[in-house]
Amino acid sequence: MPAIMTLKLKPGLNWLLVFVPITLLLEYVWHTRAAVVFMCSCLAIIPLAGVMGHATEGLAARAGAGVGGLLNATFGNAAEMIIAFMALSKGLHDVVKASLTGSIIGNILLVLGLSILAGGWKRERQRFNAMAASSGSTMLLLAAVGLVVPAAYAALAGGTDTTVKDLSAEISVVLLLTYVLNLLFSLRTHKHLYDLAGEEESHGELPSLARSAWTLLVATVLVAWMSEILVGVVEETSHALGLTEVFVGVIVVAIIGNAAEHSTAIMMALKDKMDIAIGIAVGSSVQIALFVAPVLMLASLFMERPMDLVFTMPEVLAVILSVWVVTQISQDGETNWLEGAQLLSVYAILGLVFYHIR
């Protein structure tokens, strides 16, 4: 998960940076319709997320394997966290939870499905490290438990809002501790498993430490700015397009936040490096569930309206089914294009469910 969760800005995405000034003009000068601002801010975030990943890679390469892996693990989903934090600060808890759910199922169904389909289309099979993949699948099962328990407690035990929020905070601490142990496992005690997955590649001429740090800082500020604009128009946009906020969070916002990462996983699969592709997809979902979600929940305790970890039943079922399907596929250490198509089919079915939920 750590060193293999590396993002690079593809040259084909560079032109999307033009949407950064366009979004600012649409929002602050021309006061365009919310739907147009929403789409432009989404397009602006895609290359900025790639820039953040590239800058993080530069810092990681300069800092050494241990610290570098920690940087990659920590900033791997920085764009998604910023978007969710902006929505959280505006009290849009449903959008936040939906984006978390969407990121989890999007990575292990959409990203992994596209990667397996693309990589296996002209190959009979592709092999990967089943032990490393199994470790990631186990962590995903734990993440599913963390989502199920608060929802089950709220539905069956009928706890008060205060009790549910206390339980959510306590579970968040457990998930964070587990995430730290997972980092220790992958970076220190069993890093050889992930070294097998991450084949050595030349980084070329590395940017200076100062340049990487400044790039990361500027990109983070711009992502935060674009995210604030996006979140500010998400309600109006969802109504204008006839979509629910849950669908926008699960599908649209989640895909935008992971777009740069999607392309990296697919490119690795096309190069027959399925260990890296699976590491990106599964590792990102693990980080969302065990790091991003708990951090957001605990951060909300200092806001006017604290969030809880009580997800809706469709969201819980979506995560459980997604984790189960991926676990089945990752057991034998090899994939073929049909398995990729099957993952995409599950994602399409879940997308249709969230589209029809009102």
Protein backbone atom coordinates (compact mmCIF):
# COMPACT_ATOMS: atom_id res chain seq x y z
CA MET A 1 0.00 0.00 0.00
CA PRO A 2 2.53 2.70 0.94
CA ALA A 3 5.20 2.99 -1.72
CA ILE A 4 2.97 1.64 -4.45
CA MET A 5 0.28 4.26 -3.89
CA THR A 6 2.13 6.76 -6.09
CA LEU A 7 0.36 9.20 -8.35
CA LYS A 8 1.81 10.99 -11.34
CA LEU A 9 0.18 13.73 -13.36
CA LYS A 10 -0.26 12.39 -16.86
CA PRO A 11 0.64 14.82 -19.68
CA GLY A 12 -2.87 14.37 -21.08
CA LEU A 13 -4.33 15.88 -17.91
CA ASN A 14 -2.20 19.04 -17.94
CA TRP A 15 -4.68 20.99 -20.05
CA LEU A 16 -7.38 20.53 -17.41
CA LEU A 17 -5.51 23.05 -15.23
CA VAL A 18 -7.16 25.75 -17.36
CA PHE A 19 -10.36 25.03 -15.43
CA VAL A 20 -8.83 26.47 -12.26
CA PRO A 21 -9.02 30.11 -13.44
CA ILE A 22 -12.23 29.35 -15.36
CA THR A 23 -13.89 28.13 -12.16
CA LEU A 24 -12.79 31.24 -10.28
CA LEU A 25 -14.19 33.48 -13.01
CA LEU A 26 -17.47 31.58 -13.16
CA GLU A 27 -17.92 31.70 -9.39
CA TYR A 28 -16.73 35.21 -8.47
CA VAL A 29 -17.06 37.30 -11.65
CA TRP A 30 -19.69 35.88 -13.97
CA HIS A 31 -21.86 34.17 -11.32
CA THR A 32 -22.77 31.35 -13.71
CA ARG A 33 -25.32 28.62 -12.99
CA ALA A 34 -24.41 26.25 -10.20
CA ALA A 35 -24.28 23.17 -12.45
CA VAL A 36 -21.68 24.77 -14.72
CA VAL A 37 -19.57 25.87 -11.76
CA PHE A 38 -19.85 22.37 -10.29
CA MET A 39 -18.62 20.67 -13.46
CA CYS A 40 -15.74 23.11 -13.95
CA SER A 41 -14.59 22.78 -10.33
CA CYS A 42 -14.68 18.99 -10.72
CA LEU A 43 -12.51 19.20 -13.83
CA ALA A 44 -10.12 21.57 -12.02
CA ILE A 45 -9.64 19.17 -9.11
CA ILE A 46 -8.62 16.25 -11.35
CA PRO A 47 -5.20 17.61 -12.44
CA LEU A 48 -4.60 19.27 -9.06
CA ALA A 49 -4.97 15.89 -7.37
CA GLY A 50 -2.37 14.56 -9.81
CA VAL A 51 -0.03 17.45 -9.00
CA MET A 52 -0.39 16.70 -5.29
CA GLY A 53 0.46 13.06 -5.92
CA HIS A 54 3.48 13.94 -8.04
CA ALA A 55 4.78 16.37 -5.42
CA THR A 56 4.27 13.76 -2.71
CA GLU A 57 6.26 11.28 -4.80
CA GLY A 58 9.10 13.79 -5.04
CA LEU A 59 9.12 14.30 -1.27
CA ALA A 60 8.91 10.54 -0.70
CA ALA A 61 11.82 9.80 -3.03
CA ARG A 62 13.99 12.38 -1.26
CA ALA A 63 12.98 11.31 2.25
CA GLY A 64 13.90 7.63 1.93
CA ALA A 65 11.88 4.41 1.89
CA GLY A 66 10.39 4.55 5.40
CA VAL A 67 9.40 8.19 5.55
CA GLY A 68 8.56 8.14 1.84
CA GLY A 69 6.14 5.28 2.31
CA LEU A 70 4.51 7.12 5.20
CA LEU A 71 4.14 10.27 3.07
CA ASN A 72 2.57 8.33 0.22
CA ALA A 73 0.23 6.55 2.63
CA THR A 74 -0.77 9.77 4.36
CA PHE A 75 -1.26 11.99 1.29
CA GLY A 76 -2.56 9.28 -1.03
CA ASN A 77 -6.13 10.51 -0.63
CA ALA A 78 -5.48 14.14 0.29
CA ALA A 79 -7.80 15.50 -2.39
CA GLU A 80 -10.72 13.36 -1.22
CA MET A 81 -10.09 14.39 2.39
CA ILE A 82 -10.07 18.08 1.51
CA ILE A 83 -13.33 17.79 -0.44
CA ALA A 84 -14.96 15.87 2.40
CA PHE A 85 -13.68 18.31 5.03
CA MET A 86 -15.15 21.26 3.13
CA ALA A 87 -18.50 19.47 2.92
CA LEU A 88 -18.25 18.59 6.61
CA SER A 89 -17.63 22.22 7.57
CA LYS A 90 -20.86 23.16 5.80
CA GLY A 91 -22.84 20.46 7.62
CA LEU A 92 -23.35 18.28 4.53
CA HIS A 93 -22.95 15.03 6.42
CA ASP A 94 -24.86 12.97 3.85
CA VAL A 95 -22.53 14.15 1.08
CA VAL A 96 -19.47 13.37 3.21
CA LYS A 97 -20.62 9.84 4.04
CA ALA A 98 -21.68 9.24 0.45
CA SER A 99 -18.29 10.40 -0.86
CA LEU A 100 -16.53 8.06 1.58
CA THR A 101 -18.69 5.15 0.48
CA GLY A 102 -18.18 6.10 -3.15
CA SER A 103 -14.41 6.27 -2.76
CA ILE A 104 -14.28 2.83 -1.15
CA ILE A 105 -16.45 1.03 -3.69
CA GLY A 106 -15.13 3.13 -6.57
CA ASN A 107 -11.54 2.08 -5.92
CA ILE A 108 -12.16 -1.63 -5.47
CA LEU A 109 -14.85 -1.97 -8.15
CA LEU A 110 -14.42 0.77 -10.76
CA VAL A 111 -10.65 1.36 -10.61
CA LEU A 112 -9.71 -2.27 -10.07
CA GLY A 113 -12.32 -3.45 -12.57
CA LEU A 114 -11.04 -1.13 -15.31
CA SER A 115 -7.45 -2.09 -14.50
CA ILE A 116 -8.12 -5.83 -14.70
CA LEU A 117 -10.18 -5.43 -17.88
CA ALA A 118 -7.60 -3.23 -19.61
CA GLY A 119 -4.59 -5.26 -18.53
CA GLY A 120 -6.11 -8.64 -19.25
CA TRP A 121 -7.79 -7.88 -22.57
CA LYS A 122 -4.86 -9.16 -24.64
CA ARG A 123 -3.51 -11.56 -22.03
CA GLU A 124 -4.84 -14.91 -20.90
CA ARG A 125 -4.15 -14.07 -17.26
CA GLN A 126 -2.22 -11.66 -15.05
CA ARG A 127 -0.57 -12.71 -11.81
CA PHE A 128 -0.06 -10.81 -8.59
CA ASN A 129 1.13 -11.33 -5.02
CA ALA A 130 -1.83 -13.10 -3.42
CA MET A 131 -0.46 -12.67 0.11
CA ALA A 132 -0.22 -8.88 -0.13
CA ALA A 133 -3.65 -8.71 -1.77
CA SER A 134 -5.10 -10.93 0.96
CA SER A 135 -3.73 -8.58 3.63
CA GLY A 136 -5.47 -5.66 1.93
CA SER A 137 -8.73 -7.61 1.64
CA THR A 138 -8.62 -8.42 5.35
CA MET A 139 -8.21 -4.73 6.17
CA LEU A 140 -11.20 -3.99 3.96
CA LEU A 141 -13.26 -6.51 5.91
CA LEU A 142 -12.35 -4.67 9.10
CA ALA A 143 -13.40 -1.43 7.43
CA ALA A 144 -16.76 -2.98 6.59
CA VAL A 145 -17.20 -3.95 10.24
CA GLY A 146 -16.46 -0.37 11.25
CA LEU A 147 -19.26 0.82 8.99
CA VAL A 148 -21.78 -1.87 9.90
CA VAL A 149 -21.58 -1.68 13.70
CA PRO A 150 -22.66 1.96 14.21
CA ALA A 151 -25.53 1.56 11.74
CA ALA A 152 -26.63 -1.72 13.34
CA TYR A 153 -26.41 -0.20 16.82
CA ALA A 154 -28.51 2.81 15.80
CA ALA A 155 -31.12 0.59 14.14
CA LEU A 156 -31.33 -2.26 16.65
CA ALA A 157 -30.31 -0.82 20.00
CA GLY A 158 -32.04 2.50 19.44
CA GLY A 159 -29.29 4.54 21.05
CA THR A 160 -29.57 8.29 21.47
CA ASP A 161 -27.74 10.67 19.13
CA THR A 162 -25.18 11.32 21.85
CA THR A 163 -24.55 7.62 22.41
CA VAL A 164 -24.23 6.96 18.67
CA LYS A 165 -21.73 9.80 18.28
CA ASP A 166 -19.74 8.54 21.28
CA LEU A 167 -19.67 5.05 19.77
CA SER A 168 -18.61 6.49 16.41
CA ALA A 169 -15.76 8.39 18.06
CA GLU A 170 -14.58 5.29 19.91
CA ILE A 171 -14.70 3.17 16.76
CA SER A 172 -12.80 5.90 14.90
CA VAL A 173 -9.97 5.65 17.41
CA VAL A 174 -9.84 1.87 16.95
CA LEU A 175 -9.77 2.23 13.16
CA LEU A 176 -6.97 4.79 13.35
CA LEU A 177 -4.91 2.54 15.61
CA THR A 178 -5.45 -0.32 13.18
CA TYR A 179 -4.33 1.91 10.33
CA VAL A 180 -1.13 2.72 12.22
CA LEU A 181 -0.51 -1.01 12.78
CA ASN A 182 -1.14 -1.59 9.08
CA LEU A 183 1.54 0.98 8.25
CA LEU A 184 3.93 -0.73 10.65
CA PHE A 185 3.18 -4.07 8.98
CA SER A 186 3.67 -2.80 5.42
CA LEU A 187 6.55 -0.38 6.04
CA ARG A 188 8.57 -2.25 8.64
CA THR A 189 7.87 -5.82 9.73
CA HIS A 190 6.57 -7.26 6.43
CA LYS A 191 7.70 -4.70 3.87
CA HIS A 192 9.18 -7.49 1.73
CA LEU A 193 5.63 -8.43 0.73
CA TYR A 194 5.13 -4.98 -0.75
CA ASP A 195 8.62 -4.82 -2.21
CA LEU A 196 7.57 -7.78 -4.31
CA ALA A 197 4.57 -5.79 -5.48
CA GLY A 198 6.42 -2.58 -6.18
CA GLU A 199 8.98 -3.18 -8.89
CA GLU A 200 11.77 -0.66 -8.95
CA GLU A 201 11.23 2.09 -11.48
CA SER A 202 13.48 4.97 -12.38
CA HIS A 203 12.28 8.28 -11.02
CA GLY A 204 14.44 10.20 -13.49
CA GLU A 205 15.73 13.54 -12.27
CA LEU A 206 14.07 14.21 -8.94
CA PRO A 207 12.80 17.71 -8.10
CA SER A 208 14.38 19.44 -5.13
CA LEU A 209 12.88 19.00 -1.69
CA ALA A 210 11.89 22.67 -1.53
CA ARG A 211 10.25 22.56 -4.97
CA SER A 212 8.25 19.47 -4.10
CA ALA A 213 7.15 21.00 -0.79
CA TRP A 214 6.06 24.27 -2.39
CA THR A 215 4.26 22.42 -5.19
CA LEU A 216 2.39 20.32 -2.65
CA LEU A 217 1.48 23.41 -0.63
CA VAL A 218 0.18 25.39 -3.63
CA ALA A 219 -1.73 22.39 -5.02
CA THR A 220 -3.29 21.74 -1.61
CA VAL A 221 -4.45 25.35 -1.32
CA LEU A 222 -5.95 25.26 -4.81
CA VAL A 223 -7.68 21.92 -4.17
CA ALA A 224 -9.13 23.35 -0.97
CA TRP A 225 -10.35 26.43 -2.87
CA MET A 226 -11.87 24.39 -5.70
CA SER A 227 -13.43 22.03 -3.14
CA GLU A 228 -15.02 24.91 -1.25
CA ILE A 229 -16.59 26.14 -4.50
CA LEU A 230 -17.70 22.62 -5.45
CA VAL A 231 -19.31 21.95 -2.09
CA GLY A 232 -20.99 25.35 -2.12
CA VAL A 233 -22.94 24.49 -5.27
CA VAL A 234 -23.48 20.76 -4.76
CA GLU A 235 -26.98 21.13 -3.29
CA GLU A 236 -28.22 23.47 -6.02
CA THR A 237 -26.59 21.34 -8.71
CA SER A 238 -28.14 18.10 -7.47
CA HIS A 239 -31.60 19.69 -7.50
CA ALA A 240 -31.05 21.22 -10.95
CA LEU A 241 -29.96 17.88 -12.44
CA GLY A 242 -32.62 15.87 -10.62
CA LEU A 243 -30.04 13.90 -8.66
CA THR A 244 -29.88 13.20 -4.95
CA GLU A 245 -26.96 14.45 -2.87
CA VAL A 246 -26.17 10.83 -2.01
CA PHE A 247 -25.79 9.90 -5.69
CA VAL A 248 -23.62 12.97 -6.34
CA GLY A 249 -21.43 12.03 -3.37
CA VAL A 250 -21.20 8.29 -4.08
CA ILE A 251 -20.60 8.53 -7.83
CA VAL A 252 -19.61 12.02 -9.02
CA VAL A 253 -17.54 13.44 -6.15
CA ALA A 254 -15.85 10.10 -5.46
CA ILE A 255 -14.80 9.63 -9.09
CA ILE A 256 -13.46 13.19 -9.33
CA GLY A 257 -11.34 12.84 -6.21
CA ASN A 258 -9.79 9.61 -7.48
CA ALA A 259 -9.46 10.45 -11.18
CA ALA A 260 -5.68 10.87 -11.27
CA GLU A 261 -5.25 7.67 -9.27
CA HIS A 262 -7.56 5.82 -11.67
CA SER A 263 -5.29 6.53 -14.61
CA THR A 264 -2.20 5.39 -12.71
CA ALA A 265 -3.73 2.02 -11.79
CA ILE A 266 -4.91 1.39 -15.35
CA MET A 267 -1.49 2.27 -16.80
CA MET A 268 0.20 -0.15 -14.38
CA ALA A 269 -2.21 -2.91 -15.40
CA LEU A 270 -1.52 -2.26 -19.09
CA LYS A 271 2.18 -2.76 -18.30
CA ASP A 272 1.31 -6.10 -16.66
CA LYS A 273 2.16 -4.77 -13.18
CA MET A 274 -0.95 -5.98 -11.43
CA ASP A 275 0.64 -5.89 -7.98
CA ILE A 276 0.92 -2.13 -8.26
CA ALA A 277 -2.55 -1.71 -9.77
CA ILE A 278 -4.17 -3.80 -7.04
CA GLY A 279 -2.10 -2.03 -4.39
CA ILE A 280 -3.35 1.35 -5.59
CA ALA A 281 -7.01 0.31 -5.68
CA VAL A 282 -7.19 -1.73 -2.48
CA GLY A 283 -4.72 0.43 -0.56
CA SER A 284 -6.64 3.59 -1.36
CA SER A 285 -9.90 2.06 -0.14
CA VAL A 286 -8.20 0.91 3.06
CA GLN A 287 -6.88 4.41 3.65
CA ILE A 288 -10.30 5.97 3.09
CA ALA A 289 -11.98 3.60 5.55
CA LEU A 290 -9.31 3.42 8.26
CA PHE A 291 -7.77 6.89 8.07
CA VAL A 292 -9.88 9.47 6.21
CA ALA A 293 -13.27 8.50 7.66
CA PRO A 294 -12.08 8.36 11.32
CA VAL A 295 -10.14 11.63 10.98
CA LEU A 296 -13.18 13.41 9.56
CA MET A 297 -15.41 12.00 12.29
CA LEU A 298 -13.04 13.08 15.07
CA ALA A 299 -12.51 16.50 13.46
CA SER A 300 -16.28 17.04 13.37
CA LEU A 301 -16.36 16.84 17.18
CA PHE A 302 -14.91 20.35 17.20
CA MET A 303 -17.62 21.65 14.85
CA GLU A 304 -21.12 22.84 15.58
CA ARG A 305 -22.68 19.66 14.19
CA PRO A 306 -20.58 16.53 14.86
CA MET A 307 -20.82 13.70 12.35
CA ASP A 308 -21.36 10.04 13.18
CA LEU A 309 -20.43 6.84 11.37
CA VAL A 310 -24.03 5.72 10.86
CA PHE A 311 -24.20 5.09 7.13
CA THR A 312 -27.44 4.29 5.33
CA MET A 313 -28.36 0.67 4.69
CA PRO A 314 -27.66 0.92 0.92
CA GLU A 315 -24.21 2.36 1.67
CA VAL A 316 -23.42 -0.37 4.19
CA LEU A 317 -24.60 -3.13 1.84
CA ALA A 318 -22.64 -1.60 -1.04
CA VAL A 319 -19.40 -1.69 0.93
CA ILE A 320 -19.99 -5.22 2.26
CA LEU A 321 -20.84 -6.64 -1.18
CA SER A 322 -17.91 -4.83 -2.81
CA VAL A 323 -15.43 -6.13 -0.25
CA TRP A 324 -16.82 -9.65 -0.56
CA VAL A 325 -16.53 -9.64 -4.37
CA VAL A 326 -12.97 -8.32 -4.32
CA THR A 327 -11.98 -10.87 -1.68
CA GLN A 328 -13.23 -13.68 -3.91
CA ILE A 329 -11.30 -12.38 -6.91
CA SER A 330 -8.03 -11.81 -5.04
CA GLN A 331 -7.74 -15.27 -3.49
CA ASP A 332 -6.05 -17.16 -6.35
CA GLY A 333 -3.31 -14.66 -7.20
CA GLU A 334 -4.34 -14.18 -10.81
CA THR A 335 -6.92 -12.25 -12.83
CA ASN A 336 -8.43 -12.24 -16.31
CA TRP A 337 -10.42 -9.65 -18.23
CA LEU A 338 -13.77 -11.26 -17.39
CA GLU A 339 -13.19 -10.67 -13.68
CA GLY A 340 -12.64 -7.00 -14.45
CA ALA A 341 -15.94 -6.89 -16.34
CA GLN A 342 -17.64 -8.56 -13.37
CA LEU A 343 -16.35 -5.89 -10.97
CA LEU A 344 -17.59 -3.17 -13.32
CA SER A 345 -20.98 -4.87 -13.49
CA VAL A 346 -21.28 -4.80 -9.70
CA TYR A 347 -20.32 -1.11 -9.70
CA ALA A 348 -22.93 -0.35 -12.38
CA ILE A 349 -25.64 -2.17 -10.42
CA LEU A 350 -24.79 -0.28 -7.22
CA GLY A 351 -24.70 2.99 -9.17
CA LEU A 352 -28.22 2.32 -10.46
CA VAL A 353 -29.40 1.63 -6.91
CA PHE A 354 -28.03 4.94 -5.64
CA TYR A 355 -29.50 6.75 -8.65
CA HIS A 356 -33.00 5.51 -7.84
CA ILE A 357 -32.80 6.19 -4.10
CA ARG A 358 -34.90 9.23 -3.20
